[in-house]
Amino acid sequence: LGERLIDAGAKTVGSVEAGMRMAEAAMGGLGSVSVFMDRSSQQWPFTVEARSSQPVLACLGSQYAGWNLSGQNYFAMGSGPARALARVEPLFETLSYRDIASSAVLILETAEPPPRAIVEKVGKATGLATEKLTFLYAPTQSLAGGVQIVARALEVALHKINDLKFPLENVIDGIGTAPIPAPHPDFLTAMGRTNDAIIYG
């Protein structure tokens, strides 16, 4: 169908850098992601920091994995700026934002590229030809996948304050940090590590 597929950690080894770039793409270019050493944690000494001067749009309007792209024995939640083109989630009624673009990017937390039906679904929802779509994907168990997940610390905070009905227009800047856990080949263990890193890190 002509879509661009970027494997950041499924059949390729990937890297911390790849995870950082995935996270920045997930934020629609409205945030920056960096890694630094935190010697207070001997187990997980590397920490990722995500920051944005437009945190509501970067995190809730783009980075949040809110688009269910399941079908044909395939499961993935989509994040990234393509969500603001499709606007298929109720969250966009709260954000009152619609994007206009000639191409779109989606980040998928999965080990498999999207099948034809999913690519066509995204194209239809965004109103774009499939050759204008880019999909970046990496599983939770990979290094890049783990990094891009814990780089959502700021997004998790924004999602929480939205649930608490805090006025989003009062959020003008944001920084979130979380330790980078060691990858693990078991999905549940890897997911547990990334969740713990965000919640308790």
N, C-alpha and C. Protein backbone atom coordinates (compact mmCIF):
# COMPACT_ATOMS: atom_id res chain seq x y z
N LEU A 1 0.81 -1.22 0.00
CA LEU A 1 0.00 0.00 0.00
C LEU A 1 0.85 1.27 0.00
N GLY A 2 2.16 1.08 0.13
CA GLY A 2 3.06 2.22 0.04
C GLY A 2 3.37 2.91 1.35
N GLU A 3 2.86 2.40 2.47
CA GLU A 3 3.15 3.02 3.76
C GLU A 3 4.61 2.80 4.14
N ARG A 4 5.16 3.69 4.98
CA ARG A 4 6.53 3.55 5.46
C ARG A 4 6.50 2.83 6.80
N LEU A 5 7.28 1.77 6.93
CA LEU A 5 7.36 0.99 8.16
C LEU A 5 8.76 1.11 8.74
N ILE A 6 8.85 1.52 10.00
CA ILE A 6 10.15 1.66 10.67
C ILE A 6 10.18 0.75 11.88
N ASP A 7 11.00 -0.29 11.79
CA ASP A 7 11.17 -1.24 12.89
C ASP A 7 12.26 -0.70 13.82
N ALA A 8 11.86 -0.32 15.03
CA ALA A 8 12.81 0.26 15.98
C ALA A 8 13.25 -0.73 17.04
N GLY A 9 12.73 -1.95 17.00
CA GLY A 9 13.13 -2.89 18.04
C GLY A 9 12.47 -4.25 17.98
N ALA A 10 11.85 -4.58 16.86
CA ALA A 10 11.20 -5.89 16.72
C ALA A 10 12.19 -6.91 16.16
N LYS A 11 12.49 -6.79 14.88
CA LYS A 11 13.49 -7.67 14.28
C LYS A 11 14.88 -7.03 14.30
N THR A 12 14.93 -5.75 14.60
CA THR A 12 16.21 -5.06 14.79
C THR A 12 16.50 -4.95 16.28
N VAL A 13 17.76 -4.75 16.62
CA VAL A 13 18.14 -4.65 18.04
C VAL A 13 17.60 -3.37 18.65
N GLY A 14 17.63 -2.28 17.89
CA GLY A 14 17.18 -1.00 18.43
C GLY A 14 18.20 -0.42 19.39
N SER A 15 17.81 0.65 20.09
CA SER A 15 18.75 1.33 20.97
C SER A 15 18.00 2.31 21.86
N VAL A 16 18.71 2.85 22.85
CA VAL A 16 18.14 3.92 23.67
C VAL A 16 17.82 5.12 22.78
N GLU A 17 18.73 5.43 21.87
CA GLU A 17 18.53 6.56 20.96
C GLU A 17 17.27 6.38 20.12
N ALA A 18 17.06 5.16 19.63
CA ALA A 18 15.85 4.89 18.83
C ALA A 18 14.60 5.11 19.67
N GLY A 19 14.64 4.71 20.93
CA GLY A 19 13.50 4.93 21.81
C GLY A 19 13.25 6.40 22.06
N MET A 20 14.32 7.18 22.19
CA MET A 20 14.17 8.63 22.38
C MET A 20 13.53 9.27 21.16
N ARG A 21 13.97 8.85 19.97
CA ARG A 21 13.40 9.42 18.74
C ARG A 21 11.94 8.99 18.57
N MET A 22 11.62 7.76 18.96
CA MET A 22 10.22 7.32 18.92
C MET A 22 9.37 8.19 19.83
N ALA A 23 9.88 8.48 21.02
CA ALA A 23 9.13 9.29 21.98
C ALA A 23 8.91 10.70 21.45
N GLU A 24 9.93 11.28 20.83
CA GLU A 24 9.78 12.63 20.28
C GLU A 24 8.80 12.64 19.11
N ALA A 25 8.83 11.57 18.30
CA ALA A 25 7.85 11.46 17.22
C ALA A 25 6.45 11.31 17.78
N ALA A 26 6.33 10.54 18.87
CA ALA A 26 5.02 10.36 19.50
C ALA A 26 4.46 11.68 20.01
N MET A 27 5.34 12.60 20.40
CA MET A 27 4.92 13.91 20.88
C MET A 27 4.69 14.90 19.73
N GLY A 28 4.77 14.41 18.52
CA GLY A 28 4.50 15.25 17.36
C GLY A 28 5.50 16.36 17.16
N GLY A 29 6.73 16.16 17.65
CA GLY A 29 7.74 17.20 17.52
C GLY A 29 7.56 18.36 18.47
N LEU A 30 6.63 18.23 19.41
CA LEU A 30 6.35 19.32 20.35
C LEU A 30 7.02 19.11 21.70
N GLY A 31 7.95 18.17 21.76
CA GLY A 31 8.66 17.92 23.01
C GLY A 31 10.06 17.42 22.72
N SER A 32 10.88 17.39 23.75
CA SER A 32 12.24 16.87 23.62
C SER A 32 12.46 15.79 24.67
N VAL A 33 13.28 14.82 24.32
CA VAL A 33 13.56 13.69 25.21
C VAL A 33 15.06 13.54 25.35
N SER A 34 15.53 13.39 26.57
CA SER A 34 16.96 13.21 26.83
C SER A 34 17.15 12.14 27.89
N VAL A 35 18.39 11.68 28.01
CA VAL A 35 18.73 10.65 28.99
C VAL A 35 19.91 11.14 29.82
N PHE A 36 19.86 10.91 31.13
CA PHE A 36 20.97 11.29 31.98
C PHE A 36 21.20 10.21 33.04
N MET A 37 22.35 10.28 33.69
CA MET A 37 22.69 9.32 34.74
C MET A 37 22.13 9.79 36.08
N ASP A 38 21.51 8.86 36.80
CA ASP A 38 21.03 9.13 38.15
C ASP A 38 21.65 8.07 39.06
N ARG A 39 22.70 8.44 39.74
CA ARG A 39 23.46 7.46 40.53
C ARG A 39 22.77 7.09 41.84
N SER A 40 21.60 7.68 42.10
CA SER A 40 20.87 7.30 43.31
C SER A 40 20.22 5.93 43.16
N SER A 41 20.11 5.45 41.92
CA SER A 41 19.54 4.13 41.67
C SER A 41 20.61 3.23 41.07
N GLN A 42 21.07 2.25 41.83
CA GLN A 42 22.11 1.36 41.33
C GLN A 42 21.55 0.34 40.34
N GLN A 43 20.28 -0.01 40.48
CA GLN A 43 19.69 -1.00 39.59
C GLN A 43 19.40 -0.42 38.20
N TRP A 44 18.79 0.77 38.17
CA TRP A 44 18.41 1.42 36.91
C TRP A 44 19.00 2.82 36.89
N PRO A 45 20.29 2.97 36.59
CA PRO A 45 20.96 4.27 36.72
C PRO A 45 20.64 5.28 35.62
N PHE A 46 20.03 4.83 34.52
CA PHE A 46 19.72 5.77 33.43
C PHE A 46 18.29 6.28 33.58
N THR A 47 18.13 7.58 33.43
CA THR A 47 16.82 8.22 33.57
C THR A 47 16.48 8.97 32.29
N VAL A 48 15.24 8.84 31.86
CA VAL A 48 14.77 9.58 30.69
C VAL A 48 13.96 10.78 31.15
N GLU A 49 14.16 11.89 30.46
CA GLU A 49 13.42 13.12 30.77
C GLU A 49 12.69 13.58 29.52
N ALA A 50 11.39 13.81 29.66
CA ALA A 50 10.59 14.36 28.56
C ALA A 50 10.09 15.73 28.98
N ARG A 51 10.20 16.69 28.08
CA ARG A 51 9.74 18.03 28.40
C ARG A 51 9.04 18.63 27.20
N SER A 52 8.11 19.54 27.49
CA SER A 52 7.38 20.21 26.41
C SER A 52 6.85 21.55 26.90
N SER A 53 6.89 22.53 26.01
CA SER A 53 6.29 23.84 26.29
C SER A 53 4.85 23.90 25.79
N GLN A 54 4.40 22.82 25.18
CA GLN A 54 2.99 22.65 24.80
C GLN A 54 2.54 21.27 25.27
N PRO A 55 2.60 21.03 26.58
CA PRO A 55 2.42 19.66 27.09
C PRO A 55 1.04 19.05 26.84
N VAL A 56 -0.01 19.85 26.84
CA VAL A 56 -1.34 19.29 26.63
C VAL A 56 -1.46 18.73 25.23
N LEU A 57 -1.06 19.51 24.25
CA LEU A 57 -1.14 19.06 22.87
C LEU A 57 -0.13 17.95 22.59
N ALA A 58 1.10 18.12 23.10
CA ALA A 58 2.14 17.12 22.86
C ALA A 58 1.81 15.78 23.48
N CYS A 59 1.28 15.81 24.70
CA CYS A 59 1.05 14.57 25.45
C CYS A 59 -0.34 13.98 25.23
N LEU A 60 -1.37 14.77 25.46
CA LEU A 60 -2.73 14.25 25.31
C LEU A 60 -3.18 14.24 23.86
N GLY A 61 -2.77 15.24 23.10
CA GLY A 61 -3.18 15.32 21.71
C GLY A 61 -2.37 14.46 20.78
N SER A 62 -1.22 13.96 21.26
CA SER A 62 -0.36 13.18 20.37
C SER A 62 0.20 11.92 21.03
N GLN A 63 0.94 12.08 22.13
CA GLN A 63 1.70 10.96 22.70
C GLN A 63 0.83 9.89 23.35
N TYR A 64 -0.30 10.25 23.87
CA TYR A 64 -1.18 9.30 24.55
C TYR A 64 -1.59 8.17 23.60
N ALA A 65 -1.42 6.93 24.04
CA ALA A 65 -1.77 5.77 23.21
C ALA A 65 -3.25 5.46 23.38
N GLY A 66 -4.07 6.24 22.67
CA GLY A 66 -5.51 6.12 22.86
C GLY A 66 -6.29 5.57 21.68
N TRP A 67 -5.61 5.29 20.58
CA TRP A 67 -6.30 4.83 19.37
C TRP A 67 -6.21 3.31 19.28
N ASN A 68 -7.33 2.64 19.47
CA ASN A 68 -7.37 1.18 19.40
C ASN A 68 -7.31 0.74 17.94
N LEU A 69 -6.24 0.04 17.60
CA LEU A 69 -6.05 -0.41 16.22
C LEU A 69 -6.04 -1.93 16.15
N SER A 70 -6.96 -2.55 16.84
CA SER A 70 -7.04 -4.00 16.87
C SER A 70 -7.84 -4.52 15.68
N GLY A 71 -7.54 -5.76 15.30
CA GLY A 71 -8.29 -6.41 14.23
C GLY A 71 -7.46 -7.48 13.56
N GLN A 72 -8.13 -8.53 13.06
CA GLN A 72 -7.47 -9.62 12.34
C GLN A 72 -6.31 -10.21 13.13
N ASN A 73 -6.58 -10.58 14.38
CA ASN A 73 -5.56 -11.17 15.26
C ASN A 73 -4.38 -10.23 15.49
N TYR A 74 -4.63 -8.96 15.37
CA TYR A 74 -3.59 -7.95 15.58
C TYR A 74 -4.08 -6.99 16.64
N PHE A 75 -3.19 -6.64 17.57
CA PHE A 75 -3.57 -5.68 18.61
C PHE A 75 -2.48 -4.65 18.78
N ALA A 76 -2.87 -3.40 18.74
CA ALA A 76 -1.94 -2.30 19.01
C ALA A 76 -2.74 -1.07 19.37
N MET A 77 -2.17 -0.26 20.25
CA MET A 77 -2.73 1.04 20.57
C MET A 77 -1.86 2.09 19.88
N GLY A 78 -2.50 2.96 19.13
CA GLY A 78 -1.76 3.94 18.36
C GLY A 78 -1.55 5.24 19.12
N SER A 79 -0.34 5.77 19.04
CA SER A 79 -0.04 7.09 19.58
C SER A 79 0.67 7.88 18.50
N GLY A 80 0.74 9.19 18.69
CA GLY A 80 1.41 10.02 17.71
C GLY A 80 0.47 11.03 17.07
N PRO A 81 1.03 11.91 16.25
CA PRO A 81 0.25 13.02 15.69
C PRO A 81 -0.88 12.62 14.75
N ALA A 82 -0.86 11.40 14.22
CA ALA A 82 -1.98 10.96 13.36
C ALA A 82 -3.30 10.94 14.12
N ARG A 83 -3.23 10.81 15.44
CA ARG A 83 -4.46 10.79 16.24
C ARG A 83 -5.24 12.09 16.10
N ALA A 84 -4.52 13.21 15.98
CA ALA A 84 -5.19 14.51 15.89
C ALA A 84 -5.78 14.75 14.51
N LEU A 85 -5.41 13.93 13.54
CA LEU A 85 -6.05 13.97 12.23
C LEU A 85 -7.32 13.12 12.24
N ALA A 86 -7.21 11.95 12.86
CA ALA A 86 -8.34 11.01 12.87
C ALA A 86 -9.44 11.45 13.85
N ARG A 87 -9.04 11.90 15.03
CA ARG A 87 -9.98 12.36 16.06
C ARG A 87 -11.09 11.34 16.32
N VAL A 88 -10.72 10.08 16.47
CA VAL A 88 -11.72 9.03 16.71
C VAL A 88 -11.94 8.78 18.20
N GLU A 89 -11.18 9.48 19.05
CA GLU A 89 -11.28 9.27 20.50
C GLU A 89 -12.08 10.39 21.15
N PRO A 90 -12.87 10.07 22.17
CA PRO A 90 -13.64 11.10 22.88
C PRO A 90 -12.76 12.20 23.48
N LEU A 91 -11.50 11.88 23.76
CA LEU A 91 -10.59 12.85 24.36
C LEU A 91 -10.50 14.14 23.54
N PHE A 92 -10.64 14.01 22.22
CA PHE A 92 -10.49 15.19 21.37
C PHE A 92 -11.65 16.17 21.50
N GLU A 93 -12.76 15.72 22.06
CA GLU A 93 -13.84 16.65 22.36
C GLU A 93 -13.42 17.58 23.50
N THR A 94 -12.63 17.04 24.42
CA THR A 94 -12.10 17.86 25.52
C THR A 94 -11.03 18.81 25.02
N LEU A 95 -10.17 18.32 24.13
CA LEU A 95 -9.05 19.13 23.66
C LEU A 95 -9.47 20.20 22.66
N SER A 96 -10.57 19.96 21.95
CA SER A 96 -11.05 20.91 20.93
C SER A 96 -9.93 21.26 19.95
N TYR A 97 -9.25 20.24 19.48
CA TYR A 97 -8.15 20.46 18.54
C TYR A 97 -8.27 19.51 17.36
N ARG A 98 -8.03 20.03 16.17
CA ARG A 98 -7.99 19.21 14.96
C ARG A 98 -6.76 19.60 14.16
N ASP A 99 -6.01 18.60 13.74
CA ASP A 99 -4.80 18.87 12.97
C ASP A 99 -5.11 18.87 11.48
N ILE A 100 -4.26 19.54 10.71
CA ILE A 100 -4.32 19.53 9.26
C ILE A 100 -2.91 19.21 8.77
N ALA A 101 -2.77 18.13 8.02
CA ALA A 101 -1.44 17.72 7.57
C ALA A 101 -1.54 16.91 6.29
N SER A 102 -0.44 16.86 5.56
CA SER A 102 -0.40 16.10 4.31
C SER A 102 0.23 14.72 4.50
N SER A 103 0.69 14.44 5.72
CA SER A 103 1.25 13.12 6.05
C SER A 103 1.02 12.88 7.53
N ALA A 104 1.23 11.64 7.96
CA ALA A 104 0.94 11.32 9.36
C ALA A 104 1.86 10.22 9.87
N VAL A 105 2.10 10.26 11.19
CA VAL A 105 2.96 9.29 11.86
C VAL A 105 2.20 8.66 13.02
N LEU A 106 2.33 7.34 13.15
CA LEU A 106 1.77 6.62 14.29
C LEU A 106 2.86 5.76 14.92
N ILE A 107 2.85 5.70 16.24
CA ILE A 107 3.77 4.85 16.99
C ILE A 107 2.97 3.69 17.56
N LEU A 108 3.48 2.47 17.36
CA LEU A 108 2.78 1.27 17.81
C LEU A 108 3.68 0.46 18.73
N GLU A 109 3.14 0.08 19.88
CA GLU A 109 3.88 -0.74 20.85
C GLU A 109 3.59 -2.20 20.53
N THR A 110 4.31 -2.73 19.55
CA THR A 110 4.05 -4.08 19.07
C THR A 110 5.28 -4.63 18.36
N ALA A 111 5.33 -5.95 18.23
CA ALA A 111 6.46 -6.60 17.56
C ALA A 111 6.20 -6.81 16.07
N GLU A 112 4.98 -6.52 15.62
CA GLU A 112 4.61 -6.78 14.23
C GLU A 112 4.17 -5.50 13.54
N PRO A 113 4.51 -5.35 12.27
CA PRO A 113 4.02 -4.19 11.52
C PRO A 113 2.51 -4.30 11.32
N PRO A 114 1.83 -3.20 11.11
CA PRO A 114 0.37 -3.26 10.95
C PRO A 114 -0.02 -3.98 9.66
N PRO A 115 -1.02 -4.85 9.72
CA PRO A 115 -1.48 -5.53 8.50
C PRO A 115 -2.23 -4.56 7.59
N ARG A 116 -2.52 -5.03 6.40
CA ARG A 116 -3.16 -4.20 5.38
C ARG A 116 -4.44 -3.53 5.89
N ALA A 117 -5.28 -4.29 6.59
CA ALA A 117 -6.56 -3.75 7.06
C ALA A 117 -6.37 -2.58 8.02
N ILE A 118 -5.35 -2.65 8.87
CA ILE A 118 -5.08 -1.57 9.82
C ILE A 118 -4.55 -0.34 9.10
N VAL A 119 -3.67 -0.56 8.14
CA VAL A 119 -3.14 0.56 7.36
C VAL A 119 -4.27 1.28 6.64
N GLU A 120 -5.17 0.50 6.05
CA GLU A 120 -6.32 1.10 5.35
C GLU A 120 -7.23 1.84 6.32
N LYS A 121 -7.41 1.28 7.52
CA LYS A 121 -8.24 1.92 8.54
C LYS A 121 -7.66 3.28 8.93
N VAL A 122 -6.35 3.34 9.12
CA VAL A 122 -5.70 4.59 9.49
C VAL A 122 -5.80 5.60 8.35
N GLY A 123 -5.59 5.13 7.12
CA GLY A 123 -5.70 6.02 5.98
C GLY A 123 -7.09 6.62 5.86
N LYS A 124 -8.11 5.79 6.05
CA LYS A 124 -9.48 6.28 5.95
C LYS A 124 -9.79 7.28 7.06
N ALA A 125 -9.35 6.97 8.28
CA ALA A 125 -9.66 7.83 9.42
C ALA A 125 -8.95 9.18 9.33
N THR A 126 -7.73 9.18 8.79
CA THR A 126 -6.97 10.43 8.69
C THR A 126 -7.26 11.19 7.41
N GLY A 127 -7.89 10.51 6.45
CA GLY A 127 -8.17 11.14 5.17
C GLY A 127 -6.94 11.24 4.28
N LEU A 128 -5.95 10.39 4.53
CA LEU A 128 -4.70 10.43 3.77
C LEU A 128 -4.52 9.16 2.95
N ALA A 129 -3.81 9.29 1.84
CA ALA A 129 -3.41 8.12 1.08
C ALA A 129 -2.43 7.31 1.92
N THR A 130 -2.46 5.99 1.78
CA THR A 130 -1.63 5.14 2.64
C THR A 130 -0.14 5.39 2.44
N GLU A 131 0.27 5.87 1.27
CA GLU A 131 1.69 6.15 1.07
C GLU A 131 2.14 7.40 1.84
N LYS A 132 1.21 8.10 2.44
CA LYS A 132 1.54 9.27 3.26
C LYS A 132 1.62 8.91 4.75
N LEU A 133 1.51 7.62 5.06
CA LEU A 133 1.52 7.17 6.46
C LEU A 133 2.86 6.55 6.82
N THR A 134 3.32 6.84 8.04
CA THR A 134 4.53 6.22 8.58
C THR A 134 4.19 5.57 9.91
N PHE A 135 4.61 4.32 10.07
CA PHE A 135 4.38 3.57 11.30
C PHE A 135 5.73 3.21 11.92
N LEU A 136 5.97 3.67 13.15
CA LEU A 136 7.14 3.26 13.91
C LEU A 136 6.67 2.24 14.94
N TYR A 137 7.37 1.11 15.04
CA TYR A 137 6.91 0.10 15.98
C TYR A 137 8.08 -0.59 16.68
N ALA A 138 7.83 -0.97 17.92
CA ALA A 138 8.79 -1.71 18.73
C ALA A 138 8.04 -2.32 19.90
N PRO A 139 8.34 -3.56 20.26
CA PRO A 139 7.63 -4.19 21.38
C PRO A 139 8.12 -3.67 22.73
N THR A 140 7.30 -3.87 23.73
CA THR A 140 7.64 -3.46 25.10
C THR A 140 8.94 -4.09 25.56
N GLN A 141 9.20 -5.31 25.11
CA GLN A 141 10.37 -6.06 25.55
C GLN A 141 11.69 -5.52 24.99
N SER A 142 11.62 -4.66 23.99
CA SER A 142 12.82 -4.15 23.35
C SER A 142 13.37 -2.93 24.08
N LEU A 143 14.62 -2.60 23.80
CA LEU A 143 15.24 -1.44 24.42
C LEU A 143 14.54 -0.15 23.99
N ALA A 144 14.32 0.00 22.69
CA ALA A 144 13.64 1.20 22.19
C ALA A 144 12.21 1.28 22.71
N GLY A 145 11.53 0.13 22.71
CA GLY A 145 10.15 0.11 23.19
C GLY A 145 10.05 0.52 24.65
N GLY A 146 10.95 0.01 25.47
CA GLY A 146 10.94 0.36 26.89
C GLY A 146 11.22 1.83 27.12
N VAL A 147 12.16 2.38 26.37
CA VAL A 147 12.51 3.79 26.52
C VAL A 147 11.34 4.69 26.12
N GLN A 148 10.72 4.40 24.99
CA GLN A 148 9.63 5.27 24.55
C GLN A 148 8.42 5.18 25.48
N ILE A 149 8.27 4.05 26.17
CA ILE A 149 7.17 3.93 27.12
C ILE A 149 7.43 4.77 28.37
N VAL A 150 8.62 4.63 28.96
CA VAL A 150 8.88 5.40 30.19
C VAL A 150 9.03 6.89 29.90
N ALA A 151 9.27 7.23 28.63
CA ALA A 151 9.31 8.65 28.25
C ALA A 151 7.91 9.27 28.27
N ARG A 152 6.91 8.48 28.65
CA ARG A 152 5.54 8.96 28.76
C ARG A 152 5.20 9.42 30.18
N ALA A 153 6.20 9.60 31.02
CA ALA A 153 5.94 10.02 32.40
C ALA A 153 5.15 11.32 32.46
N LEU A 154 5.51 12.27 31.62
CA LEU A 154 4.77 13.54 31.58
C LEU A 154 3.36 13.32 31.07
N GLU A 155 3.22 12.49 30.06
CA GLU A 155 1.90 12.20 29.50
C GLU A 155 0.99 11.55 30.53
N VAL A 156 1.53 10.64 31.33
CA VAL A 156 0.74 9.98 32.38
C VAL A 156 0.25 11.02 33.39
N ALA A 157 1.11 11.97 33.73
CA ALA A 157 0.71 13.03 34.66
C ALA A 157 -0.40 13.90 34.08
N LEU A 158 -0.28 14.24 32.79
CA LEU A 158 -1.32 15.04 32.13
C LEU A 158 -2.64 14.28 32.07
N HIS A 159 -2.56 13.00 31.79
CA HIS A 159 -3.78 12.18 31.73
C HIS A 159 -4.47 12.14 33.09
N LYS A 160 -3.67 12.06 34.15
CA LYS A 160 -4.22 12.01 35.50
C LYS A 160 -4.92 13.33 35.86
N ILE A 161 -4.28 14.45 35.57
CA ILE A 161 -4.91 15.71 35.95
C ILE A 161 -6.16 15.97 35.11
N ASN A 162 -6.18 15.44 33.88
CA ASN A 162 -7.40 15.56 33.08
C ASN A 162 -8.52 14.74 33.70
N ASP A 163 -8.20 13.54 34.19
CA ASP A 163 -9.20 12.72 34.88
C ASP A 163 -9.73 13.42 36.12
N LEU A 164 -8.87 14.20 36.77
CA LEU A 164 -9.26 14.92 37.98
C LEU A 164 -9.95 16.25 37.68
N LYS A 165 -10.18 16.51 36.38
CA LYS A 165 -10.90 17.71 35.92
C LYS A 165 -10.13 19.00 36.20
N PHE A 166 -8.80 18.89 36.31
CA PHE A 166 -8.00 20.10 36.43
C PHE A 166 -8.06 20.84 35.09
N PRO A 167 -8.24 22.15 35.09
CA PRO A 167 -8.34 22.89 33.83
C PRO A 167 -7.04 22.82 33.01
N LEU A 168 -7.11 22.17 31.87
CA LEU A 168 -5.91 21.96 31.06
C LEU A 168 -5.31 23.25 30.54
N GLU A 169 -6.13 24.29 30.40
CA GLU A 169 -5.61 25.57 29.91
C GLU A 169 -4.63 26.21 30.90
N ASN A 170 -4.61 25.71 32.13
CA ASN A 170 -3.67 26.23 33.13
C ASN A 170 -2.32 25.52 33.09
N VAL A 171 -2.20 24.51 32.25
CA VAL A 171 -0.93 23.79 32.12
C VAL A 171 -0.15 24.42 30.97
N ILE A 172 0.96 25.07 31.29
CA ILE A 172 1.69 25.81 30.27
C ILE A 172 3.06 25.23 29.95
N ASP A 173 3.57 24.35 30.79
CA ASP A 173 4.88 23.73 30.55
C ASP A 173 4.94 22.45 31.37
N GLY A 174 5.83 21.56 30.98
CA GLY A 174 5.90 20.32 31.74
C GLY A 174 7.19 19.56 31.54
N ILE A 175 7.61 18.87 32.59
CA ILE A 175 8.78 18.00 32.56
C ILE A 175 8.43 16.73 33.33
N GLY A 176 8.77 15.59 32.77
CA GLY A 176 8.56 14.32 33.46
C GLY A 176 9.79 13.46 33.35
N THR A 177 10.11 12.72 34.40
CA THR A 177 11.27 11.83 34.37
C THR A 177 10.88 10.45 34.88
N ALA A 178 11.63 9.45 34.43
CA ALA A 178 11.44 8.08 34.89
C ALA A 178 12.70 7.29 34.60
N PRO A 179 13.05 6.33 35.46
CA PRO A 179 14.22 5.50 35.18
C PRO A 179 13.96 4.56 34.01
N ILE A 180 15.01 4.20 33.31
CA ILE A 180 14.90 3.25 32.20
C ILE A 180 15.16 1.85 32.74
N PRO A 181 14.15 0.99 32.74
CA PRO A 181 14.35 -0.36 33.26
C PRO A 181 15.09 -1.25 32.26
N ALA A 182 15.72 -2.28 32.78
CA ALA A 182 16.37 -3.24 31.89
C ALA A 182 15.31 -4.00 31.10
N PRO A 183 15.53 -4.22 29.81
CA PRO A 183 14.56 -4.97 29.01
C PRO A 183 14.42 -6.40 29.52
N HIS A 184 13.28 -7.01 29.24
CA HIS A 184 13.06 -8.41 29.60
C HIS A 184 12.28 -9.07 28.48
N PRO A 185 12.62 -10.30 28.10
CA PRO A 185 11.96 -10.96 26.97
C PRO A 185 10.49 -11.31 27.21
N ASP A 186 10.08 -11.42 28.47
CA ASP A 186 8.69 -11.74 28.78
C ASP A 186 7.86 -10.46 28.77
N PHE A 187 6.75 -10.47 28.02
CA PHE A 187 5.95 -9.25 27.86
C PHE A 187 5.43 -8.71 29.18
N LEU A 188 4.84 -9.57 30.01
CA LEU A 188 4.26 -9.10 31.27
C LEU A 188 5.32 -8.53 32.21
N THR A 189 6.48 -9.17 32.23
CA THR A 189 7.57 -8.66 33.07
C THR A 189 8.06 -7.31 32.56
N ALA A 190 8.22 -7.22 31.24
CA ALA A 190 8.66 -5.95 30.65
C ALA A 190 7.64 -4.85 30.89
N MET A 191 6.36 -5.17 30.74
CA MET A 191 5.31 -4.18 30.98
C MET A 191 5.29 -3.76 32.44
N GLY A 192 5.48 -4.73 33.34
CA GLY A 192 5.52 -4.41 34.76
C GLY A 192 6.66 -3.48 35.11
N ARG A 193 7.80 -3.71 34.49
CA ARG A 193 8.97 -2.86 34.76
C ARG A 193 8.74 -1.43 34.27
N THR A 194 8.19 -1.28 33.07
CA THR A 194 7.96 0.08 32.56
C THR A 194 6.89 0.79 33.37
N ASN A 195 5.84 0.06 33.76
CA ASN A 195 4.80 0.68 34.59
C ASN A 195 5.36 1.11 35.94
N ASP A 196 6.16 0.24 36.56
CA ASP A 196 6.76 0.57 37.85
C ASP A 196 7.68 1.78 37.73
N ALA A 197 8.42 1.85 36.61
CA ALA A 197 9.34 2.97 36.41
C ALA A 197 8.59 4.29 36.37
N ILE A 198 7.45 4.31 35.69
CA ILE A 198 6.67 5.55 35.59
C ILE A 198 5.99 5.89 36.91
N ILE A 199 5.40 4.88 37.55
CA ILE A 199 4.60 5.14 38.75
C ILE A 199 5.47 5.42 39.98
N TYR A 200 6.53 4.61 40.13
CA TYR A 200 7.33 4.71 41.35
C TYR A 200 8.70 5.34 41.13
N GLY A 201 9.09 5.52 39.87
CA GLY A 201 10.43 6.01 39.57
C GLY A 201 10.65 7.45 39.95
